[in-house]
Amino acid sequence: MKKNSRVLLSVRVIPRSKKNEVSDLGNNRLRVRVISPPERGRANKELVELLARHYRKRRSSITIAKGLTSRDKIVEISD
């Protein structure tokens, strides 16, 4: 039987960037640049898609636990 594991990351999102990019700041902290503007959840959606590609996980295993309307977010990645 496999245990469900989860990781919490502190993420600083920079919307309206020139390119999509994930930068590791160490100590479970990331800086993520997304092209999308922070309107109607577009930047959040792009953040989840970008992290899913970066960590090779399904989008459904990545959720924003805190900070839906803030640039500073807590993101949960589960197996």
Protein backbone atom coordinates (compact mmCIF):
# COMPACT_ATOMS: atom_id res chain seq x y z
CA MET A 1 0.00 0.00 0.00
CA LYS A 2 1.31 3.42 -0.98
CA LYS A 3 1.11 6.43 1.32
CA ASN A 4 -0.14 9.70 -0.06
CA SER A 5 2.59 12.27 0.24
CA ARG A 6 2.40 15.99 -0.24
CA VAL A 7 4.82 18.86 -0.49
CA LEU A 8 4.07 22.49 0.33
CA LEU A 9 5.95 25.14 -1.61
CA SER A 10 6.15 28.87 -1.10
CA VAL A 11 5.75 30.48 -4.53
CA ARG A 12 6.20 34.08 -5.63
CA VAL A 13 4.33 34.59 -8.92
CA ILE A 14 5.31 37.34 -11.34
CA PRO A 15 2.50 37.78 -13.89
CA ARG A 16 2.79 39.51 -17.28
CA SER A 17 6.38 38.31 -17.75
CA LYS A 18 8.07 37.98 -21.12
CA LYS A 19 8.38 34.20 -20.72
CA ASN A 20 7.26 31.33 -18.49
CA GLU A 21 10.00 30.34 -16.07
CA VAL A 22 10.44 28.48 -12.78
CA SER A 23 13.36 29.55 -10.57
CA ASP A 24 14.31 27.59 -7.46
CA LEU A 25 15.23 29.89 -4.57
CA GLY A 26 16.02 26.97 -2.24
CA ASN A 27 14.34 25.91 1.00
CA ASN A 28 11.01 24.96 -0.72
CA ARG A 29 10.70 28.43 -2.31
CA LEU A 30 10.13 29.18 -5.97
CA ARG A 31 9.85 32.25 -8.13
CA VAL A 32 7.57 31.59 -11.09
CA ARG A 33 7.20 33.98 -14.01
CA VAL A 34 4.06 33.58 -16.10
CA ILE A 35 3.04 35.35 -19.30
CA SER A 36 -0.65 35.56 -18.39
CA PRO A 37 -2.12 38.59 -16.63
CA PRO A 38 -3.63 38.19 -13.14
CA GLU A 39 -7.19 38.51 -14.46
CA ARG A 40 -10.00 35.98 -14.02
CA GLY A 41 -7.61 33.32 -12.72
CA ARG A 42 -5.50 33.13 -15.88
CA ALA A 43 -2.17 33.50 -14.07
CA ASN A 44 -3.18 30.87 -11.48
CA LYS A 45 -4.18 28.43 -14.21
CA GLU A 46 -0.90 28.97 -16.03
CA LEU A 47 1.00 28.58 -12.73
CA VAL A 48 -0.57 25.16 -12.12
CA GLU A 49 0.14 24.05 -15.71
CA LEU A 50 3.74 25.26 -15.52
CA LEU A 51 4.39 23.52 -12.19
CA ALA A 52 2.79 20.32 -13.51
CA ARG A 53 5.22 20.31 -16.44
CA HIS A 54 8.18 21.25 -14.23
CA TYR A 55 7.56 18.46 -11.68
CA ARG A 56 6.11 15.98 -14.23
CA LYS A 57 2.83 15.66 -12.32
CA ARG A 58 -0.82 15.80 -13.32
CA ARG A 59 -2.48 19.18 -13.04
CA SER A 60 -5.00 17.65 -10.66
CA SER A 61 -2.22 16.87 -8.15
CA ILE A 62 -1.27 20.56 -7.85
CA THR A 63 -3.46 22.95 -5.88
CA ILE A 64 -3.08 26.48 -4.60
CA ALA A 65 -3.62 26.13 -0.84
CA LYS A 66 -3.31 29.82 0.04
CA GLY A 67 -3.05 33.10 -1.82
CA LEU A 68 -5.45 32.79 -4.76
CA THR A 69 -5.49 36.57 -5.18
CA SER A 70 -1.94 37.28 -4.01
CA ARG A 71 1.45 37.05 -5.71
CA ASP A 72 2.74 35.06 -2.72
CA LYS A 73 1.14 31.63 -2.68
CA ILE A 74 1.38 28.30 -0.90
CA VAL A 75 1.13 25.48 -3.44
CA GLU A 76 0.48 21.86 -2.51
CA ILE A 77 1.83 19.05 -4.71
CA SER A 78 0.51 15.58 -3.92
CA ASP A 79 1.05 12.12 -5.39
